Protein backbone atom coordinates (compact mmCIF):
# COMPACT_ATOMS: atom_id res chain seq x y z
CA MET A 1 -0.37 -44.17 -0.60
CA LYS A 2 -3.31 -42.94 -2.69
CA LYS A 3 -3.75 -39.26 -3.41
CA PHE A 4 -7.25 -37.86 -3.54
CA VAL A 5 -8.98 -34.53 -3.97
CA PRO A 6 -11.37 -33.64 -1.15
CA ALA A 7 -14.97 -33.64 -2.35
CA ALA A 8 -15.57 -30.07 -1.17
CA LEU A 9 -12.67 -28.81 -3.25
CA PHE A 10 -13.85 -30.71 -6.31
CA VAL A 11 -17.42 -29.46 -5.95
CA GLY A 12 -16.18 -25.88 -5.62
CA LEU A 13 -14.01 -26.15 -8.74
CA LEU A 14 -16.43 -28.13 -10.89
CA PRO A 15 -18.49 -25.17 -12.20
CA ALA A 16 -15.33 -23.30 -13.19
CA LEU A 17 -13.96 -26.34 -14.94
CA LEU A 18 -17.20 -26.93 -16.83
CA VAL A 19 -17.76 -23.40 -18.10
CA GLY A 20 -14.30 -21.86 -17.95
CA ALA A 21 -15.66 -19.25 -15.56
CA THR A 22 -13.50 -16.39 -14.42
CA THR A 23 -14.21 -14.67 -11.13
CA ALA A 24 -12.60 -11.51 -9.83
CA SER A 25 -13.03 -9.92 -6.44
CA ALA A 26 -13.02 -6.23 -5.69
CA THR A 27 -12.86 -4.56 -2.30
CA GLY A 28 -16.54 -3.56 -2.48
CA ASN A 29 -19.75 -5.54 -2.41
CA TYR A 30 -20.08 -6.67 -6.04
CA SER A 31 -18.72 -9.96 -7.30
CA CYS A 32 -18.82 -10.60 -11.06
CA SER A 33 -18.12 -13.78 -13.01
CA ASN A 34 -18.28 -15.08 -16.56
CA GLY A 35 -20.83 -17.76 -17.32
CA LEU A 36 -22.15 -19.59 -20.35
CA ALA A 37 -22.90 -17.85 -23.65
CA ASN A 38 -20.96 -14.65 -22.82
CA VAL A 39 -23.21 -13.82 -19.86
CA VAL A 40 -21.57 -11.96 -16.97
CA THR A 41 -23.38 -12.10 -13.63
CA CYS A 42 -22.68 -9.58 -10.88
CA ASN A 43 -24.12 -10.05 -7.40
CA ASN A 44 -24.34 -7.78 -4.38
CA THR A 45 -26.00 -9.46 -1.41
CA ASN A 46 -25.26 -6.60 1.00
CA VAL A 47 -27.70 -4.22 -0.69
CA GLY A 48 -30.99 -5.47 -1.98
CA PRO A 49 -29.96 -8.19 -3.05
CA VAL A 50 -28.87 -6.92 -6.46
CA ILE A 51 -28.20 -9.17 -9.46
CA VAL A 52 -27.02 -7.80 -12.80
CA LYS A 53 -26.87 -10.16 -15.81
CA ILE A 54 -25.16 -8.83 -18.90
CA THR A 55 -25.04 -10.57 -22.27
CA GLY A 56 -22.23 -9.38 -24.52
CA ASN A 57 -20.36 -10.53 -27.59
CA ARG A 58 -17.42 -12.04 -25.65
CA THR A 59 -16.33 -13.11 -22.18
CA LEU A 60 -14.48 -10.64 -19.99
CA THR A 61 -10.91 -10.99 -18.76
CA GLY A 62 -10.18 -11.08 -15.04
CA ASN A 63 -9.02 -7.45 -15.18
CA GLU A 64 -12.19 -6.40 -17.01
CA LEU A 65 -14.31 -8.14 -14.37
CA SER A 66 -12.45 -6.19 -11.68
CA VAL A 67 -13.04 -2.90 -13.51
CA LEU A 68 -16.76 -3.69 -13.81
CA GLU A 69 -16.98 -4.59 -10.11
CA ASN A 70 -15.18 -1.41 -9.07
CA ASN A 71 -17.45 0.73 -11.25
CA PHE A 72 -20.55 -0.93 -9.76
CA ASN A 73 -19.15 -0.40 -6.25
CA LYS A 74 -19.01 3.36 -6.90
CA ALA A 75 -22.53 3.52 -8.39
CA THR A 76 -25.90 4.25 -6.85
CA VAL A 77 -28.05 1.14 -6.65
CA ASN A 78 -30.83 1.75 -9.16
CA VAL A 79 -31.68 0.16 -12.49
CA THR A 80 -30.86 3.11 -14.74
CA THR A 81 -27.51 3.83 -13.09
CA LEU A 82 -26.40 0.18 -13.14
CA LYS A 83 -27.34 -0.16 -16.82
CA ASN A 84 -25.47 3.06 -17.70
CA VAL A 85 -22.41 1.91 -15.75
CA THR A 86 -22.49 -1.38 -17.64
CA VAL A 87 -22.70 0.22 -21.09
CA ASN A 88 -19.99 2.79 -20.33
CA THR A 89 -17.68 0.21 -18.79
CA TYR A 90 -18.08 -2.23 -21.68
CA LYS A 91 -17.36 0.60 -24.17
CA SER A 92 -14.11 1.40 -22.33
CA PHE A 93 -12.63 -2.07 -22.85
CA ASN A 94 -10.16 -2.70 -25.65
CA PRO A 95 -11.51 -4.29 -27.70
CA SER A 96 -14.85 -2.89 -26.61
CA VAL A 97 -17.63 -5.29 -25.75
CA THR A 98 -21.03 -5.01 -27.39
CA VAL A 99 -23.85 -5.19 -24.85
CA LYS A 100 -26.72 -7.30 -26.17
CA ASN A 101 -28.89 -7.37 -23.03
CA ILE A 102 -28.81 -6.14 -19.42
CA ASN A 103 -31.14 -7.51 -16.77
CA VAL A 104 -31.04 -5.81 -13.36
CA CYS A 105 -32.86 -7.30 -10.36
CA ILE A 106 -33.09 -5.31 -7.13
CA ALA A 107 -34.87 -7.05 -4.24
CA SER A 108 -36.51 -9.52 -6.66
CA ILE A 109 -37.85 -6.80 -8.99
CA CYS A 110 -36.25 -7.23 -12.42
CA LYS A 111 -36.07 -4.76 -15.29
């Protein structure tokens, strides 16, 4: 009997296999994941929608992604606050992560 992987499962896992992405889930509305070139993307579709893309000097661990999500979940949804939360959270990691760029989009307006 042949064993096979269902196509839906393969399609769902393919991006993670290709980029080594790590995704962590918090109890709130933000979901963050590592992507290519040390870019972390955090999405919140319940408010806005809100998309935060952060370029740093390394990828984040699963625990660090959870910390970032939890900090975003406690924050007010505005560009300045989300950028400050990002910088402060990245500084708190050991080793700390250098933030190279932060792009925040709220309801399709990006800054």
